[in-house]
PDB file of N, CA and C in Angstrom:
ATOM      1  N   MET A   1      44.917  -4.836  -3.212  1.00  0.00           N
ATOM      2  CA  MET A   1      44.091  -5.383  -2.132  1.00  0.00           C
ATOM      3  C   MET A   1      42.922  -4.573  -1.893  1.00  0.00           C
ATOM      4  N   ARG A   2      42.885  -3.287  -2.033  1.00  0.00           N
ATOM      5  CA  ARG A   2      41.661  -2.418  -1.845  1.00  0.00           C
ATOM      6  C   ARG A   2      40.521  -2.757  -2.917  1.00  0.00           C
ATOM      7  N   TRP A   3      40.991  -3.090  -4.090  1.00  0.00           N
ATOM      8  CA  TRP A   3      40.071  -3.410  -5.138  1.00  0.00           C
ATOM      9  C   TRP A   3      39.218  -4.661  -4.826  1.00  0.00           C
ATOM     10  N   VAL A   4      39.896  -5.657  -4.151  1.00  0.00           N
ATOM     11  CA  VAL A   4      39.270  -6.933  -3.800  1.00  0.00           C
ATOM     12  C   VAL A   4      38.121  -6.559  -2.836  1.00  0.00           C
ATOM     13  N   ILE A   5      38.511  -5.701  -1.775  1.00  0.00           N
ATOM     14  CA  ILE A   5      37.494  -5.295  -0.851  1.00  0.00           C
ATOM     15  C   ILE A   5      36.287  -4.525  -1.371  1.00  0.00           C
ATOM     16  N   ALA A   6      36.649  -3.609  -2.346  1.00  0.00           N
ATOM     17  CA  ALA A   6      35.704  -2.874  -3.066  1.00  0.00           C
ATOM     18  C   ALA A   6      34.775  -3.838  -3.931  1.00  0.00           C
ATOM     19  N   LEU A   7      35.375  -4.656  -4.646  1.00  0.00           N
ATOM     20  CA  LEU A   7      34.581  -5.532  -5.437  1.00  0.00           C
ATOM     21  C   LEU A   7      33.667  -6.568  -4.584  1.00  0.00           C
ATOM     22  N   SER A   8      34.160  -7.009  -3.516  1.00  0.00           N
ATOM     23  CA  SER A   8      33.331  -7.860  -2.638  1.00  0.00           C
ATOM     24  C   SER A   8      32.229  -7.087  -2.052  1.00  0.00           C
ATOM     25  N   GLY A   9      32.438  -5.741  -1.699  1.00  0.00           N
ATOM     26  CA  GLY A   9      31.395  -4.951  -1.236  1.00  0.00           C
ATOM     27  C   GLY A   9      30.406  -4.617  -2.188  1.00  0.00           C
ATOM     28  N   ALA A  10      30.867  -4.375  -3.483  1.00  0.00           N
ATOM     29  CA  ALA A  10      29.871  -4.130  -4.492  1.00  0.00           C
ATOM     30  C   ALA A  10      29.007  -5.424  -4.795  1.00  0.00           C
ATOM     31  N   ALA A  11      29.604  -6.572  -4.724  1.00  0.00           N
ATOM     32  CA  ALA A  11      28.926  -7.760  -4.982  1.00  0.00           C
ATOM     33  C   ALA A  11      27.801  -8.127  -3.850  1.00  0.00           C
ATOM     34  N   TRP A  12      28.224  -7.820  -2.711  1.00  0.00           N
ATOM     35  CA  TRP A  12      27.222  -7.963  -1.548  1.00  0.00           C
ATOM     36  C   TRP A  12      26.086  -7.056  -1.739  1.00  0.00           C
ATOM     37  N   ILE A  13      26.419  -5.743  -2.190  1.00  0.00           N
ATOM     38  CA  ILE A  13      25.343  -4.828  -2.474  1.00  0.00           C
ATOM     39  C   ILE A  13      24.408  -5.233  -3.521  1.00  0.00           C
ATOM     40  N   LEU A  14      25.006  -5.829  -4.645  1.00  0.00           N
ATOM     41  CA  LEU A  14      24.262  -6.316  -5.822  1.00  0.00           C
ATOM     42  C   LEU A  14      23.357  -7.598  -5.391  1.00  0.00           C
ATOM     43  N   ILE A  15      23.950  -8.473  -4.516  1.00  0.00           N
ATOM     44  CA  ILE A  15      23.163  -9.483  -4.005  1.00  0.00           C
ATOM     45  C   ILE A  15      22.037  -9.173  -3.146  1.00  0.00           C
ATOM     46  N   GLY A  16      22.280  -8.130  -2.301  1.00  0.00           N
ATOM     47  CA  GLY A  16      21.239  -7.505  -1.493  1.00  0.00           C
ATOM     48  C   GLY A  16      20.104  -6.967  -2.272  1.00  0.00           C
ATOM     49  N   ALA A  17      20.401  -6.239  -3.381  1.00  0.00           N
ATOM     50  CA  ALA A  17      19.494  -5.509  -4.180  1.00  0.00           C
ATOM     51  C   ALA A  17      18.584  -6.656  -4.923  1.00  0.00           C
ATOM     52  N   VAL A  18      19.151  -7.731  -5.320  1.00  0.00           N
ATOM     53  CA  VAL A  18      18.426  -8.763  -6.012  1.00  0.00           C
ATOM     54  C   VAL A  18      17.412  -9.450  -5.118  1.00  0.00           C
ATOM     55  N   VAL A  19      17.984  -9.709  -3.848  1.00  0.00           N
ATOM     56  CA  VAL A  19      17.080 -10.358  -2.802  1.00  0.00           C
ATOM     57  C   VAL A  19      15.995  -9.489  -2.520  1.00  0.00           C
ATOM     58  N   VAL A  20      16.274  -8.228  -2.269  1.00  0.00           N
ATOM     59  CA  VAL A  20      15.123  -7.247  -1.951  1.00  0.00           C
ATOM     60  C   VAL A  20      14.096  -7.137  -3.111  1.00  0.00           C
ATOM     61  N   ASP A  21      14.491  -7.264  -4.302  1.00  0.00           N
ATOM     62  CA  ASP A  21      13.804  -7.127  -5.558  1.00  0.00           C
ATOM     63  C   ASP A  21      12.928  -8.347  -5.591  1.00  0.00           C
ATOM     64  N   LEU A  22      13.417  -9.456  -5.379  1.00  0.00           N
ATOM     65  CA  LEU A  22      12.719 -10.765  -5.474  1.00  0.00           C
ATOM     66  C   LEU A  22      11.766 -11.011  -4.392  1.00  0.00           C
ATOM     67  N   TRP A  23      12.273 -10.798  -3.189  1.00  0.00           N
ATOM     68  CA  TRP A  23      11.490 -11.092  -1.872  1.00  0.00           C
ATOM     69  C   TRP A  23      10.951 -10.023  -1.109  1.00  0.00           C
ATOM     70  N   GLY A  24      11.298  -8.766  -1.478  1.00  0.00           N
ATOM     71  CA  GLY A  24      10.898  -7.614  -0.776  1.00  0.00           C
ATOM     72  C   GLY A  24       9.343  -7.265  -0.829  1.00  0.00           C
ATOM     73  N   PRO A  25       8.958  -6.250  -0.278  1.00  0.00           N
ATOM     74  CA  PRO A  25       7.525  -5.949  -0.213  1.00  0.00           C
ATOM     75  C   PRO A  25       7.098  -5.609  -1.623  1.00  0.00           C
ATOM     76  N   LYS A  26       5.833  -6.134  -1.833  1.00  0.00           N
ATOM     77  CA  LYS A  26       5.239  -5.947  -3.199  1.00  0.00           C
ATOM     78  C   LYS A  26       4.192  -4.764  -3.134  1.00  0.00           C
ATOM     79  N   PRO A  27       3.957  -4.064  -4.302  1.00  0.00           N
ATOM     80  CA  PRO A  27       2.972  -3.062  -4.173  1.00  0.00           C
ATOM     81  C   PRO A  27       1.521  -3.751  -3.938  1.00  0.00           C
ATOM     82  N   PRO A  28       0.787  -2.927  -3.227  1.00  0.00           N
ATOM     83  CA  PRO A  28      -0.557  -3.510  -2.958  1.00  0.00           C
ATOM     84  C   PRO A  28      -1.385  -3.710  -4.156  1.00  0.00           C
ATOM     85  N   THR A  29      -2.025  -4.796  -4.336  1.00  0.00           N
ATOM     86  CA  THR A  29      -2.912  -5.084  -5.459  1.00  0.00           C
ATOM     87  C   THR A  29      -4.443  -4.951  -4.938  1.00  0.00           C
ATOM     88  N   SER A  30      -5.166  -4.625  -5.858  1.00  0.00           N
ATOM     89  CA  SER A  30      -6.576  -4.476  -5.481  1.00  0.00           C
ATOM     90  C   SER A  30      -7.182  -5.916  -5.446  1.00  0.00           C
ATOM     91  N   PRO A  31      -8.071  -6.213  -4.467  1.00  0.00           N
ATOM     92  CA  PRO A  31      -8.675  -7.554  -4.422  1.00  0.00           C
ATOM     93  C   PRO A  31      -9.572  -7.909  -5.646  1.00  0.00           C
ATOM     94  N   ALA A  32      -9.607  -9.086  -5.999  1.00  0.00           N
ATOM     95  CA  ALA A  32     -10.313  -9.515  -7.129  1.00  0.00           C
ATOM     96  C   ALA A  32     -11.822  -9.113  -6.781  1.00  0.00           C
ATOM     97  N   ARG A  33     -12.542  -8.670  -7.824  1.00  0.00           N
ATOM     98  CA  ARG A  33     -13.909  -8.261  -7.565  1.00  0.00           C
ATOM     99  C   ARG A  33     -14.711  -9.471  -7.675  1.00  0.00           C
ATOM    100  N   ILE A  34     -15.513  -9.708  -6.709  1.00  0.00           N
ATOM    101  CA  ILE A  34     -16.574 -10.868  -6.704  1.00  0.00           C
ATOM    102  C   ILE A  34     -17.901 -10.323  -7.061  1.00  0.00           C
ATOM    103  N   GLU A  35     -18.443 -10.880  -8.088  1.00  0.00           N
ATOM    104  CA  GLU A  35     -19.715 -10.494  -8.401  1.00  0.00           C
ATOM    105  C   GLU A  35     -20.746 -11.534  -8.206  1.00  0.00           C
ATOM    106  N   ALA A  36     -21.764 -11.378  -7.340  1.00  0.00           N
ATOM    107  CA  ALA A  36     -22.646 -12.294  -6.998  1.00  0.00           C
ATOM    108  C   ALA A  36     -23.656 -12.538  -8.086  1.00  0.00           C
ATOM    109  N   VAL A  37     -24.061 -13.748  -8.344  1.00  0.00           N
ATOM    110  CA  VAL A  37     -25.027 -14.151  -9.363  1.00  0.00           C
ATOM    111  C   VAL A  37     -26.302 -13.813  -8.673  1.00  0.00           C
ATOM    112  N   GLY A  38     -27.275 -13.146  -9.376  1.00  0.00           N
ATOM    113  CA  GLY A  38     -28.479 -12.754  -8.918  1.00  0.00           C
ATOM    114  C   GLY A  38     -29.374 -13.959  -8.388  1.00  0.00           C
ATOM    115  N   ALA A  39     -29.169 -14.217  -7.129  1.00  0.00           N
ATOM    116  CA  ALA A  39     -30.004 -15.281  -6.526  1.00  0.00           C
ATOM    117  C   ALA A  39     -31.411 -14.728  -6.230  1.00  0.00           C
ATOM    118  N   LYS A  40     -32.309 -15.745  -6.014  1.00  0.00           N
ATOM    119  CA  LYS A  40     -33.674 -15.257  -5.821  1.00  0.00           C
ATOM    120  C   LYS A  40     -33.822 -14.575  -4.446  1.00  0.00           C
ATOM    121  N   GLY A  41     -33.207 -14.832  -3.474  1.00  0.00           N
ATOM    122  CA  GLY A  41     -33.356 -14.147  -2.189  1.00  0.00           C
ATOM    123  C   GLY A  41     -32.385 -13.082  -1.826  1.00  0.00           C
ATOM    124  N   ASP A  42     -31.727 -12.480  -2.879  1.00  0.00           N
ATOM    125  CA  ASP A  42     -30.639 -11.420  -2.727  1.00  0.00           C
ATOM    126  C   ASP A  42     -31.516 -10.214  -2.320  1.00  0.00           C
ATOM    127  N   ALA A  43     -32.685  -9.878  -2.862  1.00  0.00           N
ATOM    128  CA  ALA A  43     -33.363  -8.685  -2.483  1.00  0.00           C
ATOM    129  C   ALA A  43     -33.757  -8.712  -0.973  1.00  0.00           C
ATOM    130  N   GLU A  44     -34.332  -9.896  -0.700  1.00  0.00           N
ATOM    131  CA  GLU A  44     -34.801 -10.031   0.658  1.00  0.00           C
ATOM    132  C   GLU A  44     -33.662 -10.013   1.660  1.00  0.00           C
ATOM    133  N   LEU A  45     -32.498 -10.609   1.329  1.00  0.00           N
ATOM    134  CA  LEU A  45     -31.383 -10.571   2.253  1.00  0.00           C
ATOM    135  C   LEU A  45     -30.873  -9.076   2.357  1.00  0.00           C
ATOM    136  N   GLY A  46     -30.972  -8.315   1.278  1.00  0.00           N
ATOM    137  CA  GLY A  46     -30.621  -6.831   1.309  1.00  0.00           C
ATOM    138  C   GLY A  46     -31.556  -6.092   2.219  1.00  0.00           C
ATOM    139  N   ARG A  47     -32.843  -6.405   2.207  1.00  0.00           N
ATOM    140  CA  ARG A  47     -33.806  -5.755   3.039  1.00  0.00           C
ATOM    141  C   ARG A  47     -33.507  -6.086   4.498  1.00  0.00           C
ATOM    142  N   CYS A  48     -33.185  -7.326   4.739  1.00  0.00           N
ATOM    143  CA  CYS A  48     -32.862  -7.623   6.158  1.00  0.00           C
ATOM    144  C   CYS A  48     -31.656  -7.025   6.506  1.00  0.00           C
ATOM    145  N   ARG A  49     -30.619  -6.725   5.807  1.00  0.00           N
ATOM    146  CA  ARG A  49     -29.336  -6.223   6.160  1.00  0.00           C
ATOM    147  C   ARG A  49     -29.807  -4.673   6.524  1.00  0.00           C
ATOM    148  N   ARG A  50     -30.658  -4.063   5.801  1.00  0.00           N
ATOM    149  CA  ARG A  50     -31.025  -2.691   6.020  1.00  0.00           C
ATOM    150  C   ARG A  50     -31.790  -2.576   7.385  1.00  0.00           C
ATOM    151  N   LEU A  51     -32.527  -3.631   7.654  1.00  0.00           N
ATOM    152  CA  LEU A  51     -33.284  -3.630   8.990  1.00  0.00           C
ATOM    153  C   LEU A  51     -32.376  -3.560  10.169  1.00  0.00           C
ATOM    154  N   GLY A  52     -31.180  -4.170  10.087  1.00  0.00           N
ATOM    155  CA  GLY A  52     -30.264  -4.242  11.224  1.00  0.00           C
ATOM    156  C   GLY A  52     -30.705  -5.120  12.271  1.00  0.00           C
ATOM    157  N   GLU A  53     -30.714  -4.600  13.455  1.00  0.00           N
ATOM    158  CA  GLU A  53     -30.940  -5.446  14.636  1.00  0.00           C
ATOM    159  C   GLU A  53     -32.432  -5.963  14.631  1.00  0.00           C
ATOM    160  N   ALA A  54     -33.274  -5.212  14.116  1.00  0.00           N
ATOM    161  CA  ALA A  54     -34.811  -5.523  14.115  1.00  0.00           C
ATOM    162  C   ALA A  54     -35.013  -6.793  13.121  1.00  0.00           C
ATOM    163  N   ALA A  55     -34.113  -7.129  12.225  1.00  0.00           N
ATOM    164  CA  ALA A  55     -34.168  -8.322  11.475  1.00  0.00           C
ATOM    165  C   ALA A  55     -34.329  -9.552  12.150  1.00  0.00           C
ATOM    166  N   LYS A  56     -33.778  -9.731  13.400  1.00  0.00           N
ATOM    167  CA  LYS A  56     -33.620 -10.898  14.033  1.00  0.00           C
ATOM    168  C   LYS A  56     -35.157 -11.299  14.421  1.00  0.00           C
ATOM    169  N   ASP A  57     -35.998 -10.384  14.644  1.00  0.00           N
ATOM    170  CA  ASP A  57     -37.497 -10.692  14.987  1.00  0.00           C
ATOM    171  C   ASP A  57     -38.272 -10.783  13.832  1.00  0.00           C
ATOM    172  N   ASP A  58     -37.875 -10.642  12.578  1.00  0.00           N
ATOM    173  CA  ASP A  58     -38.558 -10.672  11.311  1.00  0.00           C
ATOM    174  C   ASP A  58     -38.680 -12.166  10.829  1.00  0.00           C
ATOM    175  N   ALA A  59     -39.758 -12.748  10.723  1.00  0.00           N
ATOM    176  CA  ALA A  59     -39.928 -14.061  10.340  1.00  0.00           C
ATOM    177  C   ALA A  59     -39.473 -14.327   8.835  1.00  0.00           C
ATOM    178  N   THR A  60     -39.700 -13.233   8.037  1.00  0.00           N
ATOM    179  CA  THR A  60     -39.317 -13.383   6.548  1.00  0.00           C
ATOM    180  C   THR A  60     -37.702 -13.362   6.528  1.00  0.00           C
ATOM    181  N   CYS A  61     -37.081 -12.571   7.277  1.00  0.00           N
ATOM    182  CA  CYS A  61     -35.597 -12.549   7.309  1.00  0.00           C
ATOM    183  C   CYS A  61     -35.084 -13.843   7.773  1.00  0.00           C
ATOM    184  N   ARG A  62     -35.796 -14.488   8.891  1.00  0.00           N
ATOM    185  CA  ARG A  62     -35.358 -15.705   9.358  1.00  0.00           C
ATOM    186  C   ARG A  62     -35.439 -16.827   8.255  1.00  0.00           C
ATOM    187  N   MET A  63     -36.516 -16.804   7.522  1.00  0.00           N
ATOM    188  CA  MET A  63     -36.600 -17.698   6.402  1.00  0.00           C
ATOM    189  C   MET A  63     -35.655 -17.445   5.261  1.00  0.00           C
ATOM    190  N   ALA A  64     -35.406 -16.226   5.006  1.00  0.00           N
ATOM    191  CA  ALA A  64     -34.381 -15.931   3.933  1.00  0.00           C
ATOM    192  C   ALA A  64     -32.972 -16.414   4.367  1.00  0.00           C
ATOM    193  N   TRP A  65     -32.595 -16.152   5.632  1.00  0.00           N
ATOM    194  CA  TRP A  65     -31.320 -16.560   6.197  1.00  0.00           C
ATOM    195  C   TRP A  65     -31.181 -18.255   6.000  1.00  0.00           C
ATOM    196  N   ALA A  66     -32.343 -18.865   6.539  1.00  0.00           N
ATOM    197  CA  ALA A  66     -32.312 -20.267   6.400  1.00  0.00           C
ATOM    198  C   ALA A  66     -32.128 -20.825   4.953  1.00  0.00           C
ATOM    199  N   SER A  67     -32.758 -20.091   4.040  1.00  0.00           N
ATOM    200  CA  SER A  67     -32.621 -20.500   2.683  1.00  0.00           C
ATOM    201  C   SER A  67     -31.279 -20.236   2.142  1.00  0.00           C
ATOM    202  N   ALA A  68     -30.558 -19.215   2.545  1.00  0.00           N
ATOM    203  CA  ALA A  68     -29.250 -18.807   2.037  1.00  0.00           C
ATOM    204  C   ALA A  68     -28.312 -19.861   2.735  1.00  0.00           C
ATOM    205  N   ARG A  69     -28.431 -20.226   4.026  1.00  0.00           N
ATOM    206  CA  ARG A  69     -27.591 -21.289   4.607  1.00  0.00           C
ATOM    207  C   ARG A  69     -27.733 -22.578   3.837  1.00  0.00           C
ATOM    208  N   ALA A  70     -29.063 -22.990   3.647  1.00  0.00           N
ATOM    209  CA  ALA A  70     -29.210 -24.221   2.903  1.00  0.00           C
ATOM    210  C   ALA A  70     -28.515 -24.244   1.497  1.00  0.00           C
ATOM    211  N   HIS A  71     -28.678 -23.045   0.773  1.00  0.00           N
ATOM    212  CA  HIS A  71     -28.070 -22.955  -0.429  1.00  0.00           C
ATOM    213  C   HIS A  71     -26.529 -23.145  -0.341  1.00  0.00           C
ATOM    214  N   PHE A  72     -25.906 -22.386   0.663  1.00  0.00           N
ATOM    215  CA  PHE A  72     -24.555 -22.408   0.958  1.00  0.00           C
ATOM    216  C   PHE A  72     -23.948 -23.862   1.292  1.00  0.00           C
ATOM    217  N   PHE A  73     -24.640 -24.403   2.111  1.00  0.00           N
ATOM    218  CA  PHE A  73     -24.256 -25.759   2.644  1.00  0.00           C
ATOM    219  C   PHE A  73     -24.854 -26.858   1.953  1.00  0.00           C
ATOM    220  N   ASP A  74     -25.311 -26.645   0.648  1.00  0.00           N
ATOM    221  CA  ASP A  74     -25.968 -27.674  -0.224  1.00  0.00           C
ATOM    222  C   ASP A  74     -27.049 -28.521   0.451  1.00  0.00           C
ATOM    223  N   GLY A  75     -27.952 -27.865   1.076  1.00  0.00           N
ATOM    224  CA  GLY A  75     -29.014 -28.565   1.724  1.00  0.00           C
ATOM    225  C   GLY A  75     -28.864 -28.948   3.113  1.00  0.00           C
ATOM    226  N   CYS A  76     -27.763 -28.597   3.613  1.00  0.00           N
ATOM    227  CA  CYS A  76     -27.548 -28.946   5.112  1.00  0.00           C
ATOM    228  C   CYS A  76     -27.583 -27.706   6.024  1.00  0.00           C
ATOM    229  N   VAL A  77     -28.713 -27.418   6.562  1.00  0.00           N
ATOM    230  CA  VAL A  77     -28.886 -26.265   7.315  1.00  0.00           C
ATOM    231  C   VAL A  77     -28.062 -26.330   8.531  1.00  0.00           C
ATOM    232  N   ASP A  78     -28.046 -27.450   9.146  1.00  0.00           N
ATOM    233  CA  ASP A  78     -27.540 -27.690  10.533  1.00  0.00           C
ATOM    234  C   ASP A  78     -25.935 -27.742  10.393  1.00  0.00           C
ATOM    235  N   GLY A  79     -25.363 -27.708   9.375  1.00  0.00           N
ATOM    236  CA  GLY A  79     -23.915 -27.725   9.170  1.00  0.00           C
ATOM    237  C   GLY A  79     -23.318 -29.045   9.049  1.00  0.00           C
ATOM    238  N   GLY A  80     -24.220 -30.255   9.208  1.00  0.00           N
ATOM    239  CA  GLY A  80     -23.739 -31.539   8.955  1.00  0.00           C
ATOM    240  C   GLY A  80     -23.414 -31.848   7.603  1.00  0.00           C
ATOM    241  N   ARG A  81     -23.134 -33.172   7.324  1.00  0.00           N
ATOM    242  CA  ARG A  81     -22.864 -33.648   6.003  1.00  0.00           C
ATOM    243  C   ARG A  81     -24.171 -34.224   5.425  1.00  0.00           C
ATOM    244  N   PRO A  82     -24.445 -34.069   4.269  1.00  0.00           N
ATOM    245  CA  PRO A  82     -25.619 -34.728   3.701  1.00  0.00           C
ATOM    246  C   PRO A  82     -25.582 -36.197   3.534  1.00  0.00           C
TER     247      PRO A  82
END
């Protein structure tokens, strides 16, 4: 009778090990590296990023941001549908 209890205990431990192996925490993976394609306004957006808070008053930065939004939203600067 003891061997049945020992066998069932070992079976539960084995089942638990399999479940933890399949569904347990995974080692952290590094995020996929995203490389931007060299767009025309990247240099200007970088300059605006370096300006910080002063960039909001810079007309060139506002134009670069508008161009980036238009490119991102495929011509719809206001966020509407084309």
